[in-house]
Amino acid sequence: MMNLLAQIRRWPQGIRFYIALTSLVVTAQVYWYVDSVYGTSNTATIRLQEIYAWTSVSLVLVTLSIGPLCALMPKLPGKAMLRDARRLLGVSAAWFAAWHVGISYWLQFRAANPLSLPGVYQRAFLVGIIALLILLALALTSFDAAFKRMGRWWFRLHRLIYLSVLLILVHAFTIGVHATTWPYIGALTVAIGLLFAAQLYLGFGPGREPTILRSIVLCYGLLLTIGIFAYGYSQNLGYSAASNRASGGAYEAR
């Protein structure tokens, strides 16, 4: 108990406290912005969950980029602070993802039975919920006490972040309207490409001896990512008029 209180007292002195505080402020500001612009319309619900979703995706990509960035730039200023911030950025990603899922299900879809929805929504819900559960598991174990208690299993659990990224991409390309527009697809392609390039360099660069497991994971991860992006490029799904009619008009067309 005393150790916990000591950690709480140290929080305002570190970057994690300010990341957590910023996440709470951004959550409230986004809600205020959407409410002031769209009021209580169905469009407000759609815009609110969209902003929370893309905020979560951005935080996941930032979290994943910190490790390769610090490894590729040994003299980067503030490396210790970046590493310290990484866990709370991941927690914030899970926070915004939970808001996205909650608003989508309870307000936009009105807590409908998932099995009664069109097939495209069922598939998107399935991969989205799995990705959210992974993010929540990582968030709940992102603190020093869990790290010490779990040992090497902590590292094995947190490698699931890469699986969650692939699931998020599938989810976004399946029903995310903006994920099928060129600016968003281009930005995601560049971001994921840079992350894979950094991982390849760290695993196979000069003076490094890659393990068989790392080689298999990177190769299959790259193939899966290419397949997901190919699907995203070829599809233009989202909230179509047909899906809107099939769901009784509950999902507003863009």
Foldseek 3Di string as FASTA:
>chain_A
DVVVVVVVVCVVVAPLVVLVVVLVVVLVVLLVVLCVPPNPDLVSLVSSLVVLLVLLLVLLLLLLVLVLVCVVCVPDPPNVRSVVNSLSSLLSSLVSLVVSVVSCCCPLLVVDDLVLAPPLSVLLVVLSVVLSVLSVVSNVQSDPVNCVVCPPVNVVSVVCSLVSSLSSLLNCLSAPQVLLDVVNLVVVVVSVVVSLVSLCCVQPNPPHDHDPVSVVCSVVSVVSVVVSSVSSPVDRHHDDPVSCVSSVNSHPDD
